[in-house]
PDB file of all heavy atoms in Angstrom:
ATOM      1  N   GLU A   1     -54.517   0.198 124.930  1.00  0.00           N
ATOM      2  CA  GLU A   1     -55.936  -0.026 125.282  1.00  0.00           C
ATOM      3  C   GLU A   1     -56.612   1.314 125.568  1.00  0.00           C
ATOM      4  O   GLU A   1     -57.705   1.598 125.099  1.00  0.00           O
ATOM      5  CB  GLU A   1     -56.005  -0.934 126.507  1.00  0.00           C
ATOM      6  CG  GLU A   1     -57.399  -1.548 126.678  1.00  0.00           C
ATOM      7  CD  GLU A   1     -57.368  -2.664 127.711  1.00  0.00           C
ATOM      8  OE1 GLU A   1     -56.486  -3.553 127.631  1.00  0.00           O
ATOM      9  OE2 GLU A   1     -58.206  -2.596 128.622  1.00  0.00           O
ATOM     10  N   GLU A   2     -55.914   2.144 126.329  1.00  0.00           N
ATOM     11  CA  GLU A   2     -56.471   3.477 126.676  1.00  0.00           C
ATOM     12  C   GLU A   2     -56.653   4.311 125.411  1.00  0.00           C
ATOM     13  O   GLU A   2     -57.655   4.996 125.230  1.00  0.00           O
ATOM     14  CB  GLU A   2     -55.506   4.172 127.648  1.00  0.00           C
ATOM     15  CG  GLU A   2     -56.104   5.385 128.299  1.00  0.00           C
ATOM     16  CD  GLU A   2     -55.066   6.135 129.165  1.00  0.00           C
ATOM     17  OE1 GLU A   2     -54.261   5.478 129.877  1.00  0.00           O
ATOM     18  OE2 GLU A   2     -55.066   7.355 129.109  1.00  0.00           O
ATOM     19  N   LEU A   3     -55.646   4.225 124.508  1.00  0.00           N
ATOM     20  CA  LEU A   3     -55.687   4.999 123.268  1.00  0.00           C
ATOM     21  C   LEU A   3     -56.927   4.604 122.444  1.00  0.00           C
ATOM     22  O   LEU A   3     -57.659   5.459 121.986  1.00  0.00           O
ATOM     23  CB  LEU A   3     -54.415   4.704 122.473  1.00  0.00           C
ATOM     24  CG  LEU A   3     -54.163   5.525 121.193  1.00  0.00           C
ATOM     25  CD1 LEU A   3     -52.663   5.580 120.915  1.00  0.00           C
ATOM     26  CD2 LEU A   3     -54.818   4.966 119.978  1.00  0.00           C
ATOM     27  N   ILE A   4     -57.146   3.287 122.318  1.00  0.00           N
ATOM     28  CA  ILE A   4     -58.278   2.842 121.487  1.00  0.00           C
ATOM     29  C   ILE A   4     -59.599   3.278 122.104  1.00  0.00           C
ATOM     30  O   ILE A   4     -60.477   3.809 121.418  1.00  0.00           O
ATOM     31  CB  ILE A   4     -58.224   1.307 121.262  1.00  0.00           C
ATOM     32  CG1 ILE A   4     -56.998   0.998 120.365  1.00  0.00           C
ATOM     33  CG2 ILE A   4     -59.487   0.802 120.611  1.00  0.00           C
ATOM     34  CD1 ILE A   4     -56.685  -0.455 120.220  1.00  0.00           C
ATOM     35  N   GLU A   5     -59.743   3.088 123.438  1.00  0.00           N
ATOM     36  CA  GLU A   5     -60.989   3.481 124.086  1.00  0.00           C
ATOM     37  C   GLU A   5     -61.254   4.980 123.915  1.00  0.00           C
ATOM     38  O   GLU A   5     -62.378   5.408 123.609  1.00  0.00           O
ATOM     39  CB  GLU A   5     -60.949   3.130 125.573  1.00  0.00           C
ATOM     40  CG  GLU A   5     -61.448   1.714 125.833  1.00  0.00           C
ATOM     41  CD  GLU A   5     -61.429   1.337 127.293  1.00  0.00           C
ATOM     42  OE1 GLU A   5     -61.622   2.238 128.132  1.00  0.00           O
ATOM     43  OE2 GLU A   5     -61.187   0.171 127.599  1.00  0.00           O
ATOM     44  N   THR A   6     -60.221   5.809 124.110  1.00  0.00           N
ATOM     45  CA  THR A   6     -60.390   7.254 123.987  1.00  0.00           C
ATOM     46  C   THR A   6     -60.734   7.633 122.564  1.00  0.00           C
ATOM     47  O   THR A   6     -61.638   8.419 122.297  1.00  0.00           O
ATOM     48  CB  THR A   6     -59.126   8.005 124.432  1.00  0.00           C
ATOM     49  OG1 THR A   6     -58.712   7.490 125.691  1.00  0.00           O
ATOM     50  CG2 THR A   6     -59.331   9.483 124.541  1.00  0.00           C
ATOM     51  N   ALA A   7     -60.006   7.045 121.582  1.00  0.00           N
ATOM     52  CA  ALA A   7     -60.203   7.389 120.184  1.00  0.00           C
ATOM     53  C   ALA A   7     -61.612   7.022 119.741  1.00  0.00           C
ATOM     54  O   ALA A   7     -62.278   7.779 119.009  1.00  0.00           O
ATOM     55  CB  ALA A   7     -59.182   6.682 119.313  1.00  0.00           C
ATOM     56  N   LEU A   8     -62.116   5.872 120.200  1.00  0.00           N
ATOM     57  CA  LEU A   8     -63.434   5.411 119.738  1.00  0.00           C
ATOM     58  C   LEU A   8     -64.596   6.254 120.279  1.00  0.00           C
ATOM     59  O   LEU A   8     -65.728   6.113 119.821  1.00  0.00           O
ATOM     60  CB  LEU A   8     -63.650   3.928 120.097  1.00  0.00           C
ATOM     61  CG  LEU A   8     -62.715   2.946 119.377  1.00  0.00           C
ATOM     62  CD1 LEU A   8     -63.115   1.512 119.662  1.00  0.00           C
ATOM     63  CD2 LEU A   8     -62.702   3.175 117.865  1.00  0.00           C
ATOM     64  N   GLU A   9     -64.291   7.144 121.236  1.00  0.00           N
ATOM     65  CA  GLU A   9     -65.371   8.027 121.706  1.00  0.00           C
ATOM     66  C   GLU A   9     -65.887   8.878 120.571  1.00  0.00           C
ATOM     67  O   GLU A   9     -66.973   9.444 120.639  1.00  0.00           O
ATOM     68  CB  GLU A   9     -64.867   8.930 122.826  1.00  0.00           C
ATOM     69  CG  GLU A   9     -64.700   8.181 124.145  1.00  0.00           C
ATOM     70  CD  GLU A   9     -64.100   9.083 125.238  1.00  0.00           C
ATOM     71  OE1 GLU A   9     -64.166  10.307 125.087  1.00  0.00           O
ATOM     72  OE2 GLU A   9     -63.571   8.526 126.209  1.00  0.00           O
ATOM     73  N   ALA A  10     -65.070   9.013 119.517  1.00  0.00           N
ATOM     74  CA  ALA A  10     -65.496   9.833 118.365  1.00  0.00           C
ATOM     75  C   ALA A  10     -66.503   9.083 117.501  1.00  0.00           C
ATOM     76  O   ALA A  10     -67.120   9.676 116.621  1.00  0.00           O
ATOM     77  CB  ALA A  10     -64.272  10.198 117.525  1.00  0.00           C
ATOM     78  N   ASP A  11     -66.687   7.769 117.734  1.00  0.00           N
ATOM     79  CA  ASP A  11     -67.648   6.992 116.947  1.00  0.00           C
ATOM     80  C   ASP A  11     -68.330   6.004 117.873  1.00  0.00           C
ATOM     81  O   ASP A  11     -67.801   4.943 118.216  1.00  0.00           O
ATOM     82  CB  ASP A  11     -66.895   6.251 115.817  1.00  0.00           C
ATOM     83  CG  ASP A  11     -67.868   5.525 114.878  1.00  0.00           C
ATOM     84  OD1 ASP A  11     -68.924   5.029 115.374  1.00  0.00           O
ATOM     85  OD2 ASP A  11     -67.562   5.428 113.675  1.00  0.00           O
ATOM     86  N   GLU A  12     -69.571   6.325 118.278  1.00  0.00           N
ATOM     87  CA  GLU A  12     -70.243   5.531 119.321  1.00  0.00           C
ATOM     88  C   GLU A  12     -70.464   4.069 118.909  1.00  0.00           C
ATOM     89  O   GLU A  12     -70.330   3.165 119.744  1.00  0.00           O
ATOM     90  CB  GLU A  12     -71.579   6.181 119.690  1.00  0.00           C
ATOM     91  CG  GLU A  12     -71.381   7.291 120.695  1.00  0.00           C
ATOM     92  CD  GLU A  12     -72.703   7.857 121.197  1.00  0.00           C
ATOM     93  OE1 GLU A  12     -73.726   7.164 121.068  1.00  0.00           O
ATOM     94  OE2 GLU A  12     -72.672   8.961 121.722  1.00  0.00           O
ATOM     95  N   ASP A  13     -70.815   3.853 117.644  1.00  0.00           N
ATOM     96  CA  ASP A  13     -71.098   2.471 117.212  1.00  0.00           C
ATOM     97  C   ASP A  13     -69.881   1.578 117.417  1.00  0.00           C
ATOM     98  O   ASP A  13     -69.965   0.480 117.948  1.00  0.00           O
ATOM     99  CB  ASP A  13     -71.522   2.425 115.728  1.00  0.00           C
ATOM    100  CG  ASP A  13     -72.804   3.225 115.534  1.00  0.00           C
ATOM    101  OD1 ASP A  13     -73.475   3.535 116.540  1.00  0.00           O
ATOM    102  OD2 ASP A  13     -73.145   3.562 114.360  1.00  0.00           O
ATOM    103  N   LEU A  14     -68.712   2.086 116.954  1.00  0.00           N
ATOM    104  CA  LEU A  14     -67.474   1.306 117.083  1.00  0.00           C
ATOM    105  C   LEU A  14     -67.161   1.064 118.570  1.00  0.00           C
ATOM    106  O   LEU A  14     -66.711  -0.001 118.961  1.00  0.00           O
ATOM    107  CB  LEU A  14     -66.317   2.018 116.430  1.00  0.00           C
ATOM    108  CG  LEU A  14     -66.277   2.032 114.885  1.00  0.00           C
ATOM    109  CD1 LEU A  14     -65.116   2.864 114.380  1.00  0.00           C
ATOM    110  CD2 LEU A  14     -66.134   0.593 114.351  1.00  0.00           C
ATOM    111  N   LEU A  15     -67.425   2.102 119.386  1.00  0.00           N
ATOM    112  CA  LEU A  15     -67.103   1.999 120.821  1.00  0.00           C
ATOM    113  C   LEU A  15     -67.949   0.912 121.484  1.00  0.00           C
ATOM    114  O   LEU A  15     -67.442   0.065 122.240  1.00  0.00           O
ATOM    115  CB  LEU A  15     -67.321   3.357 121.510  1.00  0.00           C
ATOM    116  CG  LEU A  15     -66.980   3.387 122.984  1.00  0.00           C
ATOM    117  CD1 LEU A  15     -65.470   3.136 123.208  1.00  0.00           C
ATOM    118  CD2 LEU A  15     -67.329   4.744 123.607  1.00  0.00           C
ATOM    119  N   MET A  16     -69.264   0.897 121.166  1.00  0.00           N
ATOM    120  CA  MET A  16     -70.156  -0.104 121.766  1.00  0.00           C
ATOM    121  C   MET A  16     -69.688  -1.512 121.340  1.00  0.00           C
ATOM    122  O   MET A  16     -69.630  -2.441 122.163  1.00  0.00           O
ATOM    123  CB  MET A  16     -71.628   0.105 121.308  1.00  0.00           C
ATOM    124  CG  MET A  16     -72.249   1.406 121.787  1.00  0.00           C
ATOM    125  SD  MET A  16     -71.920   1.723 123.558  1.00  0.00           S
ATOM    126  CE  MET A  16     -72.827   0.405 124.316  1.00  0.00           C
ATOM    127  N   GLU A  17     -69.392  -1.649 120.057  1.00  0.00           N
ATOM    128  CA  GLU A  17     -68.959  -2.954 119.520  1.00  0.00           C
ATOM    129  C   GLU A  17     -67.696  -3.417 120.258  1.00  0.00           C
ATOM    130  O   GLU A  17     -67.565  -4.568 120.650  1.00  0.00           O
ATOM    131  CB  GLU A  17     -68.622  -2.733 118.026  1.00  0.00           C
ATOM    132  CG  GLU A  17     -68.926  -3.929 117.170  1.00  0.00           C
ATOM    133  CD  GLU A  17     -68.711  -3.561 115.679  1.00  0.00           C
ATOM    134  OE1 GLU A  17     -69.588  -2.844 115.120  1.00  0.00           O
ATOM    135  OE2 GLU A  17     -67.666  -3.958 115.147  1.00  0.00           O
ATOM    136  N   TYR A  18     -66.760  -2.476 120.457  1.00  0.00           N
ATOM    137  CA  TYR A  18     -65.489  -2.795 121.106  1.00  0.00           C
ATOM    138  C   TYR A  18     -65.701  -3.201 122.576  1.00  0.00           C
ATOM    139  O   TYR A  18     -65.140  -4.165 123.049  1.00  0.00           O
ATOM    140  CB  TYR A  18     -64.563  -1.575 121.009  1.00  0.00           C
ATOM    141  CG  TYR A  18     -63.240  -1.722 121.710  1.00  0.00           C
ATOM    142  CD1 TYR A  18     -62.299  -2.639 121.264  1.00  0.00           C
ATOM    143  CD2 TYR A  18     -62.918  -0.961 122.846  1.00  0.00           C
ATOM    144  CE1 TYR A  18     -61.062  -2.788 121.899  1.00  0.00           C
ATOM    145  CE2 TYR A  18     -61.692  -1.077 123.479  1.00  0.00           C
ATOM    146  CZ  TYR A  18     -60.776  -2.002 123.026  1.00  0.00           C
ATOM    147  OH  TYR A  18     -59.550  -2.149 123.658  1.00  0.00           O
ATOM    148  N   LEU A  19     -66.573  -2.436 123.283  1.00  0.00           N
ATOM    149  CA  LEU A  19     -66.783  -2.697 124.708  1.00  0.00           C
ATOM    150  C   LEU A  19     -67.612  -3.973 124.950  1.00  0.00           C
ATOM    151  O   LEU A  19     -67.365  -4.744 125.847  1.00  0.00           O
ATOM    152  CB  LEU A  19     -67.467  -1.517 125.402  1.00  0.00           C
ATOM    153  CG  LEU A  19     -66.613  -0.231 125.467  1.00  0.00           C
ATOM    154  CD1 LEU A  19     -67.415   0.903 126.087  1.00  0.00           C
ATOM    155  CD2 LEU A  19     -65.331  -0.462 126.275  1.00  0.00           C
ATOM    156  N   GLU A  20     -68.631  -4.180 124.066  1.00  0.00           N
ATOM    157  CA  GLU A  20     -69.524  -5.326 124.288  1.00  0.00           C
ATOM    158  C   GLU A  20     -68.939  -6.639 123.745  1.00  0.00           C
ATOM    159  O   GLU A  20     -68.967  -7.669 124.398  1.00  0.00           O
ATOM    160  CB  GLU A  20     -70.884  -5.059 123.656  1.00  0.00           C
ATOM    161  CG  GLU A  20     -71.719  -4.069 124.478  1.00  0.00           C
ATOM    162  CD  GLU A  20     -72.910  -3.556 123.738  1.00  0.00           C
ATOM    163  OE1 GLU A  20     -73.244  -4.108 122.657  1.00  0.00           O
ATOM    164  OE2 GLU A  20     -73.562  -2.623 124.244  1.00  0.00           O
ATOM    165  N   GLU A  21     -68.410  -6.555 122.517  1.00  0.00           N
ATOM    166  CA  GLU A  21     -67.958  -7.807 121.893  1.00  0.00           C
ATOM    167  C   GLU A  21     -66.437  -7.963 121.911  1.00  0.00           C
ATOM    168  O   GLU A  21     -65.922  -9.033 121.584  1.00  0.00           O
ATOM    169  CB  GLU A  21     -68.453  -7.879 120.425  1.00  0.00           C
ATOM    170  CG  GLU A  21     -69.974  -7.898 120.339  1.00  0.00           C
ATOM    171  CD  GLU A  21     -70.472  -7.531 118.955  1.00  0.00           C
ATOM    172  OE1 GLU A  21     -69.753  -7.823 117.993  1.00  0.00           O
ATOM    173  OE2 GLU A  21     -71.574  -6.965 118.851  1.00  0.00           O
ATOM    174  N   GLY A  22     -65.731  -6.907 122.283  1.00  0.00           N
ATOM    175  CA  GLY A  22     -64.279  -6.983 122.349  1.00  0.00           C
ATOM    176  C   GLY A  22     -63.608  -7.040 120.981  1.00  0.00           C
ATOM    177  O   GLY A  22     -62.432  -7.340 120.883  1.00  0.00           O
ATOM    178  N   THR A  23     -64.386  -6.747 119.902  1.00  0.00           N
ATOM    179  CA  THR A  23     -63.753  -6.776 118.571  1.00  0.00           C
ATOM    180  C   THR A  23     -63.016  -5.445 118.343  1.00  0.00           C
ATOM    181  O   THR A  23     -63.640  -4.377 118.447  1.00  0.00           O
ATOM    182  CB  THR A  23     -64.809  -6.953 117.437  1.00  0.00           C
ATOM    183  OG1 THR A  23     -65.867  -6.045 117.714  1.00  0.00           O
ATOM    184  CG2 THR A  23     -65.303  -8.346 117.351  1.00  0.00           C
ATOM    185  N   GLU A  24     -61.759  -5.578 118.009  1.00  0.00           N
ATOM    186  CA  GLU A  24     -60.987  -4.332 117.811  1.00  0.00           C
ATOM    187  C   GLU A  24     -61.164  -3.842 116.382  1.00  0.00           C
ATOM    188  O   GLU A  24     -61.073  -4.625 115.418  1.00  0.00           O
ATOM    189  CB  GLU A  24     -59.503  -4.628 118.074  1.00  0.00           C
ATOM    190  CG  GLU A  24     -58.663  -3.377 117.980  1.00  0.00           C
ATOM    191  CD  GLU A  24     -57.195  -3.662 118.254  1.00  0.00           C
ATOM    192  OE1 GLU A  24     -56.873  -4.103 119.366  1.00  0.00           O
ATOM    193  OE2 GLU A  24     -56.410  -3.409 117.335  1.00  0.00           O
ATOM    194  N   PRO A  25     -61.456  -2.546 116.224  1.00  0.00           N
ATOM    195  CA  PRO A  25     -61.642  -2.013 114.864  1.00  0.00           C
ATOM    196  C   PRO A  25     -60.318  -2.058 114.086  1.00  0.00           C
ATOM    197  O   PRO A  25     -59.248  -2.249 114.675  1.00  0.00           O
ATOM    198  CB  PRO A  25     -62.056  -0.562 115.097  1.00  0.00           C
ATOM    199  CG  PRO A  25     -61.891  -0.270 116.548  1.00  0.00           C
ATOM    200  CD  PRO A  25     -61.608  -1.542 117.280  1.00  0.00           C
ATOM    201  N   SER A  26     -60.429  -1.885 112.765  1.00  0.00           N
ATOM    202  CA  SER A  26     -59.215  -1.927 111.939  1.00  0.00           C
ATOM    203  C   SER A  26     -58.377  -0.670 112.180  1.00  0.00           C
ATOM    204  O   SER A  26     -58.852   0.316 112.710  1.00  0.00           O
ATOM    205  CB  SER A  26     -59.600  -1.978 110.456  1.00  0.00           C
ATOM    206  OG  SER A  26     -60.155  -0.718 110.104  1.00  0.00           O
ATOM    207  N   MET A  27     -57.103  -0.753 111.744  1.00  0.00           N
ATOM    208  CA  MET A  27     -56.198   0.381 111.922  1.00  0.00           C
ATOM    209  C   MET A  27     -56.756   1.648 111.255  1.00  0.00           C
ATOM    210  O   MET A  27     -56.687   2.735 111.813  1.00  0.00           O
ATOM    211  CB  MET A  27     -54.849   0.018 111.297  1.00  0.00           C
ATOM    212  CG  MET A  27     -53.722   0.880 111.792  1.00  0.00           C
ATOM    213  SD  MET A  27     -53.456   0.744 113.541  1.00  0.00           S
ATOM    214  CE  MET A  27     -51.797   0.097 113.572  1.00  0.00           C
ATOM    215  N   ASP A  28     -57.353   1.497 110.067  1.00  0.00           N
ATOM    216  CA  ASP A  28     -57.883   2.648 109.370  1.00  0.00           C
ATOM    217  C   ASP A  28     -59.023   3.302 110.161  1.00  0.00           C
ATOM    218  O   ASP A  28     -59.134   4.523 110.214  1.00  0.00           O
ATOM    219  CB  ASP A  28     -58.429   2.257 107.971  1.00  0.00           C
ATOM    220  CG  ASP A  28     -57.252   1.986 107.013  1.00  0.00           C
ATOM    221  OD1 ASP A  28     -56.126   2.402 107.361  1.00  0.00           O
ATOM    222  OD2 ASP A  28     -57.485   1.412 105.937  1.00  0.00           O
ATOM    223  N   GLU A  29     -59.865   2.434 110.786  1.00  0.00           N
ATOM    224  CA  GLU A  29     -60.994   2.990 111.569  1.00  0.00           C
ATOM    225  C   GLU A  29     -60.470   3.734 112.792  1.00  0.00           C
ATOM    226  O   GLU A  29     -60.982   4.794 113.145  1.00  0.00           O
ATOM    227  CB  GLU A  29     -61.948   1.867 111.965  1.00  0.00           C
ATOM    228  CG  GLU A  29     -62.808   1.387 110.814  1.00  0.00           C
ATOM    229  CD  GLU A  29     -63.648   0.169 111.155  1.00  0.00           C
ATOM    230  OE1 GLU A  29     -63.171  -0.701 111.916  1.00  0.00           O
ATOM    231  OE2 GLU A  29     -64.796   0.114 110.677  1.00  0.00           O
ATOM    232  N   ILE A  30     -59.439   3.169 113.431  1.00  0.00           N
ATOM    233  CA  ILE A  30     -58.884   3.829 114.630  1.00  0.00           C
ATOM    234  C   ILE A  30     -58.317   5.192 114.212  1.00  0.00           C
ATOM    235  O   ILE A  30     -58.595   6.211 114.848  1.00  0.00           O
ATOM    236  CB  ILE A  30     -57.784   2.962 115.285  1.00  0.00           C
ATOM    237  CG1 ILE A  30     -58.396   1.655 115.804  1.00  0.00           C
ATOM    238  CG2 ILE A  30     -57.140   3.721 116.447  1.00  0.00           C
ATOM    239  CD1 ILE A  30     -57.361   0.665 116.306  1.00  0.00           C
ATOM    240  N   LYS A  31     -57.570   5.205 113.098  1.00  0.00           N
ATOM    241  CA  LYS A  31     -56.977   6.466 112.663  1.00  0.00           C
ATOM    242  C   LYS A  31     -58.069   7.492 112.315  1.00  0.00           C
ATOM    243  O   LYS A  31     -57.927   8.681 112.599  1.00  0.00           O
ATOM    244  CB  LYS A  31     -56.067   6.242 111.434  1.00  0.00           C
ATOM    245  CG  LYS A  31     -54.712   5.638 111.844  1.00  0.00           C
ATOM    246  CD  LYS A  31     -53.756   5.659 110.675  1.00  0.00           C
ATOM    247  CE  LYS A  31     -52.328   5.388 111.149  1.00  0.00           C
ATOM    248  NZ  LYS A  31     -51.375   5.313 110.069  1.00  0.00           N
ATOM    249  N   ARG A  32     -59.134   6.997 111.679  1.00  0.00           N
ATOM    250  CA  ARG A  32     -60.241   7.920 111.326  1.00  0.00           C
ATOM    251  C   ARG A  32     -60.812   8.532 112.597  1.00  0.00           C
ATOM    252  O   ARG A  32     -61.115   9.735 112.648  1.00  0.00           O
ATOM    253  CB  ARG A  32     -61.320   7.155 110.551  1.00  0.00           C
ATOM    254  CG  ARG A  32     -62.507   8.016 110.152  1.00  0.00           C
ATOM    255  CD  ARG A  32     -63.511   7.215 109.341  1.00  0.00           C
ATOM    256  NE  ARG A  32     -64.048   6.036 110.024  1.00  0.00           N
ATOM    257  CZ  ARG A  32     -64.979   6.098 110.975  1.00  0.00           C
ATOM    258  NH1 ARG A  32     -65.476   7.273 111.367  1.00  0.00           N
ATOM    259  NH2 ARG A  32     -65.433   5.014 111.567  1.00  0.00           N
ATOM    260  N   CYS A  33     -60.972   7.718 113.649  1.00  0.00           N
ATOM    261  CA  CYS A  33     -61.530   8.218 114.918  1.00  0.00           C
ATOM    262  C   CYS A  33     -60.571   9.233 115.572  1.00  0.00           C
ATOM    263  O   CYS A  33     -61.008  10.253 116.126  1.00  0.00           O
ATOM    264  CB  CYS A  33     -61.789   7.080 115.879  1.00  0.00           C
ATOM    265  SG  CYS A  33     -63.206   6.089 115.380  1.00  0.00           S
ATOM    266  N   ILE A  34     -59.254   8.920 115.506  1.00  0.00           N
ATOM    267  CA  ILE A  34     -58.300   9.870 116.108  1.00  0.00           C
ATOM    268  C   ILE A  34     -58.376  11.196 115.362  1.00  0.00           C
ATOM    269  O   ILE A  34     -58.377  12.256 115.971  1.00  0.00           O
ATOM    270  CB  ILE A  34     -56.840   9.312 116.042  1.00  0.00           C
ATOM    271  CG1 ILE A  34     -56.735   8.012 116.860  1.00  0.00           C
ATOM    272  CG2 ILE A  34     -55.857  10.336 116.573  1.00  0.00           C
ATOM    273  CD1 ILE A  34     -55.385   7.324 116.764  1.00  0.00           C
ATOM    274  N   ARG A  35     -58.470  11.099 114.027  1.00  0.00           N
ATOM    275  CA  ARG A  35     -58.540  12.327 113.228  1.00  0.00           C
ATOM    276  C   ARG A  35     -59.783  13.124 113.599  1.00  0.00           C
ATOM    277  O   ARG A  35     -59.721  14.346 113.792  1.00  0.00           O
ATOM    278  CB  ARG A  35     -58.553  11.930 111.768  1.00  0.00           C
ATOM    279  CG  ARG A  35     -58.472  13.108 110.807  1.00  0.00           C
ATOM    280  CD  ARG A  35     -58.464  12.613 109.360  1.00  0.00           C
ATOM    281  NE  ARG A  35     -58.632  13.748 108.466  1.00  0.00           N
ATOM    282  CZ  ARG A  35     -57.640  14.476 108.015  1.00  0.00           C
ATOM    283  NH1 ARG A  35     -56.407  14.206 108.353  1.00  0.00           N
ATOM    284  NH2 ARG A  35     -57.875  15.493 107.210  1.00  0.00           N
ATOM    285  N   GLN A  36     -60.911  12.413 113.701  1.00  0.00           N
ATOM    286  CA  GLN A  36     -62.183  13.080 114.033  1.00  0.00           C
ATOM    287  C   GLN A  36     -62.113  13.734 115.421  1.00  0.00           C
ATOM    288  O   GLN A  36     -62.465  14.906 115.593  1.00  0.00           O
ATOM    289  CB  GLN A  36     -63.307  12.014 114.019  1.00  0.00           C
ATOM    290  CG  GLN A  36     -64.694  12.564 114.315  1.00  0.00           C
ATOM    291  CD  GLN A  36     -65.166  13.492 113.213  1.00  0.00           C
ATOM    292  OE1 GLN A  36     -64.944  13.259 112.025  1.00  0.00           O
ATOM    293  NE2 GLN A  36     -65.850  14.572 113.576  1.00  0.00           N
ATOM    294  N   GLY A  37     -61.600  12.991 116.411  1.00  0.00           N
ATOM    295  CA  GLY A  37     -61.545  13.507 117.775  1.00  0.00           C
ATOM    296  C   GLY A  37     -60.562  14.665 117.923  1.00  0.00           C
ATOM    297  O   GLY A  37     -60.797  15.607 118.685  1.00  0.00           O
ATOM    298  N   THR A  38     -59.469  14.614 117.136  1.00  0.00           N
ATOM    299  CA  THR A  38     -58.500  15.714 117.170  1.00  0.00           C
ATOM    300  C   THR A  38     -59.137  16.976 116.591  1.00  0.00           C
ATOM    301  O   THR A  38     -58.992  18.068 117.112  1.00  0.00           O
ATOM    302  CB  THR A  38     -57.229  15.348 116.328  1.00  0.00           C
ATOM    303  OG1 THR A  38     -56.739  14.100 116.818  1.00  0.00           O
ATOM    304  CG2 THR A  38     -56.163  16.406 116.465  1.00  0.00           C
ATOM    305  N   ARG A  39     -59.872  16.766 115.481  1.00  0.00           N
ATOM    306  CA  ARG A  39     -60.511  17.896 114.827  1.00  0.00           C
ATOM    307  C   ARG A  39     -61.564  18.532 115.721  1.00  0.00           C
ATOM    308  O   ARG A  39     -61.748  19.755 115.709  1.00  0.00           O
ATOM    309  CB  ARG A  39     -61.132  17.405 113.518  1.00  0.00           C
ATOM    310  CG  ARG A  39     -61.447  18.535 112.570  1.00  0.00           C
ATOM    311  CD  ARG A  39     -61.930  17.981 111.274  1.00  0.00           C
ATOM    312  NE  ARG A  39     -63.319  17.547 111.330  1.00  0.00           N
ATOM    313  CZ  ARG A  39     -63.926  16.866 110.368  1.00  0.00           C
ATOM    314  NH1 ARG A  39     -63.254  16.508 109.297  1.00  0.00           N
ATOM    315  NH2 ARG A  39     -65.185  16.508 110.471  1.00  0.00           N
ATOM    316  N   ASP A  40     -62.268  17.708 116.504  1.00  0.00           N
ATOM    317  CA  ASP A  40     -63.338  18.220 117.364  1.00  0.00           C
ATOM    318  C   ASP A  40     -62.797  18.674 118.730  1.00  0.00           C
ATOM    319  O   ASP A  40     -63.588  18.936 119.655  1.00  0.00           O
ATOM    320  CB  ASP A  40     -64.439  17.171 117.591  1.00  0.00           C
ATOM    321  CG  ASP A  40     -65.110  16.810 116.276  1.00  0.00           C
ATOM    322  OD1 ASP A  40     -64.968  17.590 115.323  1.00  0.00           O
ATOM    323  OD2 ASP A  40     -65.795  15.777 116.201  1.00  0.00           O
TER     324      ASP A  40
END
């Protein structure tokens, strides 16, 4: 849970969706966010 919340900070839209509606993004989206956050 902590991993997903931290990773989604790289994409605000996905983060809002996850926090408000509780819908978990797909594995590819999570990996994309981890990649983005690692790069930044």
